[in-house]
């Protein structure tokens, strides 16, 4: 084997090892510190490992795999109770927001939500103002937060017994659109009936 090939193989091995370290560190940050944003968790992990400028960042799917493994090993019972609690609150809010075609999405739906996770509920009203008036009429406090991307009309944030609920408002025609995450995976979403089916049976 030529020296250049050996160097390339050694570099590839180092990158793979660093990639795995960043994924596991990012997963720990998400589980323990409540970081919900994958890119942010990866950047913080890389800085902690002394490699802020690395090209060896893992994919979101790799971090999610490490996150699930960490939660299963260190937070299994706590995390299951937390998921059940957040899904229950999601179902309650979705029932209130039934006129606007609510869907649950994100980590509360897929089961990877950690200690400080927020609930993301997608809505498809005729207009964001319609949702605001609906909440005001029911004396449900909310505040506006910055949408995460251009397709979103508005994000209304509520507090529900200490947990954050994000009502993410899309144009009505987008209800028929399949969303993908930044790494290309299909973004799951579930109607109220499907969320209720995930809840533990009453004793």
C-alpha atoms as a PDB file:
ATOM      1  CA  UNK A   1       0.000   0.000   0.000  1.00  0.00           C
ATOM      2  CA  UNK A   2       1.299   3.429  -0.939  1.00  0.00           C
ATOM      3  CA  UNK A   3       2.060   5.894   1.890  1.00  0.00           C
ATOM      4  CA  UNK A   4      -0.598   8.270   0.534  1.00  0.00           C
ATOM      5  CA  UNK A   5      -3.210   5.501   0.699  1.00  0.00           C
ATOM      6  CA  UNK A   6      -2.214   4.633   4.262  1.00  0.00           C
ATOM      7  CA  UNK A   7      -2.512   8.275   5.267  1.00  0.00           C
ATOM      8  CA  UNK A   8      -5.933   8.520   3.642  1.00  0.00           C
ATOM      9  CA  UNK A   9      -7.114   5.385   5.429  1.00  0.00           C
ATOM     10  CA  UNK A  10      -5.803   6.665   8.761  1.00  0.00           C
ATOM     11  CA  UNK A  11      -7.546  10.007   8.251  1.00  0.00           C
ATOM     12  CA  UNK A  12     -10.800   8.258   7.330  1.00  0.00           C
ATOM     13  CA  UNK A  13     -10.553   6.150  10.478  1.00  0.00           C
ATOM     14  CA  UNK A  14      -9.939   9.235  12.646  1.00  0.00           C
ATOM     15  CA  UNK A  15     -12.893  11.021  11.032  1.00  0.00           C
ATOM     16  CA  UNK A  16     -15.166   8.031  11.645  1.00  0.00           C
ATOM     17  CA  UNK A  17     -14.094   7.876  15.294  1.00  0.00           C
ATOM     18  CA  UNK A  18     -14.596  11.619  15.742  1.00  0.00           C
ATOM     19  CA  UNK A  19     -17.967  11.423  14.026  1.00  0.00           C
ATOM     20  CA  UNK A  20     -19.103   8.765  16.504  1.00  0.00           C
ATOM     21  CA  UNK A  21     -17.777  10.753  19.468  1.00  0.00           C
ATOM     22  CA  UNK A  22     -19.611  13.871  18.327  1.00  0.00           C
ATOM     23  CA  UNK A  23     -22.833  11.886  17.849  1.00  0.00           C
ATOM     24  CA  UNK A  24     -22.680  10.371  21.341  1.00  0.00           C
ATOM     25  CA  UNK A  25     -21.718  13.701  22.967  1.00  0.00           C
ATOM     26  CA  UNK A  26     -24.495  15.547  21.120  1.00  0.00           C
ATOM     27  CA  UNK A  27     -26.955  12.869  22.248  1.00  0.00           C
ATOM     28  CA  UNK A  28     -25.907  13.320  25.874  1.00  0.00           C
ATOM     29  CA  UNK A  29     -26.346  17.100  25.573  1.00  0.00           C
ATOM     30  CA  UNK A  30     -29.818  16.641  24.151  1.00  0.00           C
ATOM     31  CA  UNK A  31     -30.811  14.146  26.844  1.00  0.00           C
ATOM     32  CA  UNK A  32     -29.321  15.953  29.841  1.00  0.00           C
ATOM     33  CA  UNK A  33     -29.392  19.650  28.915  1.00  0.00           C
ATOM     34  CA  UNK A  34     -32.612  19.770  26.956  1.00  0.00           C
ATOM     35  CA  UNK A  35     -31.120  20.864  23.628  1.00  0.00           C
ATOM     36  CA  UNK A  36     -33.764  20.129  20.998  1.00  0.00           C
ATOM     37  CA  UNK A  37     -31.940  21.418  17.907  1.00  0.00           C
ATOM     38  CA  UNK A  38     -29.760  18.765  16.281  1.00  0.00           C
ATOM     39  CA  UNK A  39     -27.339  21.137  14.494  1.00  0.00           C
ATOM     40  CA  UNK A  40     -26.820  23.119  17.716  1.00  0.00           C
ATOM     41  CA  UNK A  41     -26.167  19.944  19.710  1.00  0.00           C
ATOM     42  CA  UNK A  42     -23.629  18.777  17.131  1.00  0.00           C
ATOM     43  CA  UNK A  43     -21.802  22.108  17.102  1.00  0.00           C
ATOM     44  CA  UNK A  44     -21.638  22.211  20.911  1.00  0.00           C
ATOM     45  CA  UNK A  45     -20.424  18.626  20.992  1.00  0.00           C
ATOM     46  CA  UNK A  46     -17.691  19.365  18.460  1.00  0.00           C
ATOM     47  CA  UNK A  47     -16.537  22.365  20.526  1.00  0.00           C
ATOM     48  CA  UNK A  48     -16.468  20.279  23.695  1.00  0.00           C
ATOM     49  CA  UNK A  49     -14.292  17.741  21.916  1.00  0.00           C
ATOM     50  CA  UNK A  50     -11.948  20.456  20.682  1.00  0.00           C
ATOM     51  CA  UNK A  51     -12.925  20.082  17.025  1.00  0.00           C
ATOM     52  CA  UNK A  52     -15.235  23.020  16.238  1.00  0.00           C
ATOM     53  CA  UNK A  53     -14.117  23.200  12.587  1.00  0.00           C
ATOM     54  CA  UNK A  54     -14.409  19.499  11.801  1.00  0.00           C
ATOM     55  CA  UNK A  55     -16.032  18.176   8.634  1.00  0.00           C
ATOM     56  CA  UNK A  56     -16.862  14.939  10.451  1.00  0.00           C
ATOM     57  CA  UNK A  57     -20.227  15.995  11.825  1.00  0.00           C
ATOM     58  CA  UNK A  58     -22.710  13.106  12.096  1.00  0.00           C
ATOM     59  CA  UNK A  59     -26.150  13.163  10.526  1.00  0.00           C
ATOM     60  CA  UNK A  60     -29.275  13.865  12.559  1.00  0.00           C
ATOM     61  CA  UNK A  61     -30.186  10.181  12.195  1.00  0.00           C
ATOM     62  CA  UNK A  62     -26.862   9.140  13.743  1.00  0.00           C
ATOM     63  CA  UNK A  63     -27.377  11.494  16.691  1.00  0.00           C
ATOM     64  CA  UNK A  64     -30.960  10.302  17.138  1.00  0.00           C
ATOM     65  CA  UNK A  65     -29.749   6.698  17.260  1.00  0.00           C
ATOM     66  CA  UNK A  66     -27.247   7.620  19.986  1.00  0.00           C
ATOM     67  CA  UNK A  67     -29.928   9.620  21.807  1.00  0.00           C
ATOM     68  CA  UNK A  68     -32.302   6.668  21.924  1.00  0.00           C
ATOM     69  CA  UNK A  69     -29.498   4.425  23.162  1.00  0.00           C
ATOM     70  CA  UNK A  70     -28.569   6.936  25.896  1.00  0.00           C
ATOM     71  CA  UNK A  71     -32.176   7.319  27.020  1.00  0.00           C
ATOM     72  CA  UNK A  72     -32.680   3.561  27.110  1.00  0.00           C
ATOM     73  CA  UNK A  73     -29.531   3.097  29.197  1.00  0.00           C
ATOM     74  CA  UNK A  74     -29.739   6.029  31.620  1.00  0.00           C
ATOM     75  CA  UNK A  75     -33.265   7.453  31.518  1.00  0.00           C
ATOM     76  CA  UNK A  76     -35.562   4.597  30.539  1.00  0.00           C
ATOM     77  CA  UNK A  77     -38.280   4.927  33.199  1.00  0.00           C
ATOM     78  CA  UNK A  78     -38.022   8.720  33.485  1.00  0.00           C
ATOM     79  CA  UNK A  79     -38.175   9.160  29.737  1.00  0.00           C
ATOM     80  CA  UNK A  80     -41.166   6.845  29.268  1.00  0.00           C
ATOM     81  CA  UNK A  81     -43.112   8.748  31.931  1.00  0.00           C
ATOM     82  CA  UNK A  82     -42.099  12.036  30.321  1.00  0.00           C
ATOM     83  CA  UNK A  83     -43.211  10.907  26.854  1.00  0.00           C
ATOM     84  CA  UNK A  84     -46.575   9.745  28.203  1.00  0.00           C
ATOM     85  CA  UNK A  85     -47.065  13.067  30.011  1.00  0.00           C
ATOM     86  CA  UNK A  86     -46.232  15.173  26.948  1.00  0.00           C
ATOM     87  CA  UNK A  87     -48.370  13.056  24.621  1.00  0.00           C
ATOM     88  CA  UNK A  88     -51.272  13.436  27.049  1.00  0.00           C
ATOM     89  CA  UNK A  89     -50.892  17.218  26.992  1.00  0.00           C
ATOM     90  CA  UNK A  90     -50.557  17.149  23.215  1.00  0.00           C
ATOM     91  CA  UNK A  91     -53.802  15.188  22.888  1.00  0.00           C
ATOM     92  CA  UNK A  92     -55.579  17.630  25.202  1.00  0.00           C
ATOM     93  CA  UNK A  93     -54.426  20.643  23.181  1.00  0.00           C
ATOM     94  CA  UNK A  94     -55.167  18.936  19.862  1.00  0.00           C
ATOM     95  CA  UNK A  95     -58.738  18.323  21.006  1.00  0.00           C
ATOM     96  CA  UNK A  96     -59.098  22.034  21.773  1.00  0.00           C
ATOM     97  CA  UNK A  97     -57.615  22.935  18.384  1.00  0.00           C
ATOM     98  CA  UNK A  98     -59.726  20.449  16.393  1.00  0.00           C
ATOM     99  CA  UNK A  99     -61.179  23.138  14.062  1.00  0.00           C
ATOM    100  CA  UNK A 100     -57.680  23.751  12.663  1.00  0.00           C
ATOM    101  CA  UNK A 101     -56.755  20.167  11.677  1.00  0.00           C
ATOM    102  CA  UNK A 102     -54.028  19.556  14.303  1.00  0.00           C
ATOM    103  CA  UNK A 103     -51.186  17.054  13.901  1.00  0.00           C
ATOM    104  CA  UNK A 104     -48.533  16.115  16.455  1.00  0.00           C
ATOM    105  CA  UNK A 105     -44.970  15.979  15.166  1.00  0.00           C
ATOM    106  CA  UNK A 106     -41.388  16.009  16.429  1.00  0.00           C
ATOM    107  CA  UNK A 107     -39.730  14.245  19.335  1.00  0.00           C
ATOM    108  CA  UNK A 108     -42.913  13.835  21.406  1.00  0.00           C
ATOM    109  CA  UNK A 109     -44.424  11.819  18.565  1.00  0.00           C
ATOM    110  CA  UNK A 110     -41.351   9.751  17.675  1.00  0.00           C
ATOM    111  CA  UNK A 111     -40.546   9.000  21.323  1.00  0.00           C
ATOM    112  CA  UNK A 112     -37.146  10.669  21.560  1.00  0.00           C
ATOM    113  CA  UNK A 113     -38.298  13.671  23.646  1.00  0.00           C
ATOM    114  CA  UNK A 114     -36.139  14.409  26.663  1.00  0.00           C
ATOM    115  CA  UNK A 115     -36.570  16.173  29.984  1.00  0.00           C
ATOM    116  CA  UNK A 116     -37.078  19.643  28.555  1.00  0.00           C
ATOM    117  CA  UNK A 117     -38.765  18.833  25.263  1.00  0.00           C
ATOM    118  CA  UNK A 118     -41.415  21.071  23.754  1.00  0.00           C
ATOM    119  CA  UNK A 119     -44.594  19.834  22.082  1.00  0.00           C
ATOM    120  CA  UNK A 120     -44.950  20.731  18.389  1.00  0.00           C
ATOM    121  CA  UNK A 121     -48.476  20.727  16.975  1.00  0.00           C
ATOM    122  CA  UNK A 122     -49.055  21.603  13.326  1.00  0.00           C
ATOM    123  CA  UNK A 123     -52.198  23.551  12.408  1.00  0.00           C
ATOM    124  CA  UNK A 124     -53.744  24.319   8.992  1.00  0.00           C
ATOM    125  CA  UNK A 125     -56.249  27.182   9.453  1.00  0.00           C
ATOM    126  CA  UNK A 126     -57.433  29.606   6.805  1.00  0.00           C
ATOM    127  CA  UNK A 127     -55.239  32.220   8.526  1.00  0.00           C
ATOM    128  CA  UNK A 128     -53.017  32.587  11.586  1.00  0.00           C
ATOM    129  CA  UNK A 129     -55.256  35.424  12.797  1.00  0.00           C
ATOM    130  CA  UNK A 130     -58.122  32.949  13.023  1.00  0.00           C
ATOM    131  CA  UNK A 131     -56.138  30.867  15.533  1.00  0.00           C
ATOM    132  CA  UNK A 132     -55.177  33.946  17.540  1.00  0.00           C
ATOM    133  CA  UNK A 133     -58.822  35.035  17.848  1.00  0.00           C
ATOM    134  CA  UNK A 134     -59.810  31.492  18.814  1.00  0.00           C
ATOM    135  CA  UNK A 135     -57.259  31.462  21.663  1.00  0.00           C
ATOM    136  CA  UNK A 136     -58.137  34.967  22.821  1.00  0.00           C
ATOM    137  CA  UNK A 137     -61.835  34.103  22.970  1.00  0.00           C
ATOM    138  CA  UNK A 138     -60.999  31.143  25.205  1.00  0.00           C
ATOM    139  CA  UNK A 139     -58.640  33.225  27.334  1.00  0.00           C
ATOM    140  CA  UNK A 140     -55.683  30.975  26.486  1.00  0.00           C
ATOM    141  CA  UNK A 141     -52.494  33.078  26.754  1.00  0.00           C
ATOM    142  CA  UNK A 142     -49.916  32.795  23.963  1.00  0.00           C
ATOM    143  CA  UNK A 143     -46.968  34.611  22.494  1.00  0.00           C
ATOM    144  CA  UNK A 144     -45.429  34.734  19.048  1.00  0.00           C
ATOM    145  CA  UNK A 145     -42.076  33.081  18.411  1.00  0.00           C
ATOM    146  CA  UNK A 146     -39.880  33.063  15.321  1.00  0.00           C
ATOM    147  CA  UNK A 147     -40.853  30.453  12.681  1.00  0.00           C
ATOM    148  CA  UNK A 148     -38.142  27.907  11.921  1.00  0.00           C
ATOM    149  CA  UNK A 149     -38.529  28.167   8.154  1.00  0.00           C
ATOM    150  CA  UNK A 150     -40.251  30.185   5.467  1.00  0.00           C
ATOM    151  CA  UNK A 151     -43.229  27.868   4.870  1.00  0.00           C
ATOM    152  CA  UNK A 152     -44.582  28.533   8.368  1.00  0.00           C
ATOM    153  CA  UNK A 153     -47.072  31.409   8.682  1.00  0.00           C
ATOM    154  CA  UNK A 154     -46.665  31.797  12.459  1.00  0.00           C
ATOM    155  CA  UNK A 155     -45.729  29.992  15.660  1.00  0.00           C
ATOM    156  CA  UNK A 156     -47.849  30.594  18.753  1.00  0.00           C
ATOM    157  CA  UNK A 157     -46.280  29.383  21.995  1.00  0.00           C
ATOM    158  CA  UNK A 158     -48.387  28.375  24.992  1.00  0.00           C
ATOM    159  CA  UNK A 159     -47.568  27.258  28.499  1.00  0.00           C
ATOM    160  CA  UNK A 160     -49.441  24.160  29.655  1.00  0.00           C
ATOM    161  CA  UNK A 161     -48.781  23.355  33.305  1.00  0.00           C
ATOM    162  CA  UNK A 162     -45.114  24.205  32.937  1.00  0.00           C
ATOM    163  CA  UNK A 163     -44.582  22.630  29.512  1.00  0.00           C
ATOM    164  CA  UNK A 164     -44.235  24.527  26.245  1.00  0.00           C
ATOM    165  CA  UNK A 165     -46.676  23.880  23.405  1.00  0.00           C
ATOM    166  CA  UNK A 166     -45.784  25.273  19.974  1.00  0.00           C
ATOM    167  CA  UNK A 167     -48.703  25.748  17.605  1.00  0.00           C
ATOM    168  CA  UNK A 168     -46.966  25.782  14.227  1.00  0.00           C
ATOM    169  CA  UNK A 169     -49.303  27.339  11.675  1.00  0.00           C
ATOM    170  CA  UNK A 170     -49.094  26.421   7.982  1.00  0.00           C
ATOM    171  CA  UNK A 171     -51.216  27.514   5.010  1.00  0.00           C
ATOM    172  CA  UNK A 172     -54.272  25.232   4.636  1.00  0.00           C
ATOM    173  CA  UNK A 173     -53.100  23.768   1.318  1.00  0.00           C
ATOM    174  CA  UNK A 174     -49.932  22.469   3.002  1.00  0.00           C
ATOM    175  CA  UNK A 175     -51.930  19.849   4.900  1.00  0.00           C
ATOM    176  CA  UNK A 176     -51.608  17.649   1.830  1.00  0.00           C
ATOM    177  CA  UNK A 177     -47.827  18.149   1.680  1.00  0.00           C
ATOM    178  CA  UNK A 178     -45.334  15.586   2.992  1.00  0.00           C
ATOM    179  CA  UNK A 179     -42.538  17.317   4.918  1.00  0.00           C
ATOM    180  CA  UNK A 180     -38.936  16.214   5.119  1.00  0.00           C
ATOM    181  CA  UNK A 181     -36.361  17.004   7.785  1.00  0.00           C
ATOM    182  CA  UNK A 182     -33.036  18.658   6.985  1.00  0.00           C
ATOM    183  CA  UNK A 183     -31.352  15.291   6.471  1.00  0.00           C
ATOM    184  CA  UNK A 184     -34.012  14.193   3.979  1.00  0.00           C
ATOM    185  CA  UNK A 185     -36.049  11.863   6.188  1.00  0.00           C
ATOM    186  CA  UNK A 186     -39.833  12.020   5.969  1.00  0.00           C
ATOM    187  CA  UNK A 187     -41.175  14.053   8.872  1.00  0.00           C
ATOM    188  CA  UNK A 188     -43.782  12.076  10.761  1.00  0.00           C
ATOM    189  CA  UNK A 189     -47.030  13.629  11.926  1.00  0.00           C
ATOM    190  CA  UNK A 190     -50.103  12.138  13.586  1.00  0.00           C
ATOM    191  CA  UNK A 191     -53.742  13.087  13.979  1.00  0.00           C
ATOM    192  CA  UNK A 192     -55.465  13.125  17.364  1.00  0.00           C
ATOM    193  CA  UNK A 193     -56.788   9.552  17.056  1.00  0.00           C
ATOM    194  CA  UNK A 194     -53.274   8.223  16.443  1.00  0.00           C
ATOM    195  CA  UNK A 195     -51.867  10.191  19.387  1.00  0.00           C
ATOM    196  CA  UNK A 196     -54.575   8.849  21.694  1.00  0.00           C
ATOM    197  CA  UNK A 197     -53.653   5.325  20.596  1.00  0.00           C
ATOM    198  CA  UNK A 198     -50.096   5.950  21.869  1.00  0.00           C
ATOM    199  CA  UNK A 199     -51.266   6.873  25.362  1.00  0.00           C
ATOM    200  CA  UNK A 200     -51.125   4.269  28.153  1.00  0.00           C
ATOM    201  CA  UNK A 201     -54.414   2.564  28.910  1.00  0.00           C
ATOM    202  CA  UNK A 202     -56.276   3.842  31.940  1.00  0.00           C
ATOM    203  CA  UNK A 203     -55.877   1.556  34.974  1.00  0.00           C
END
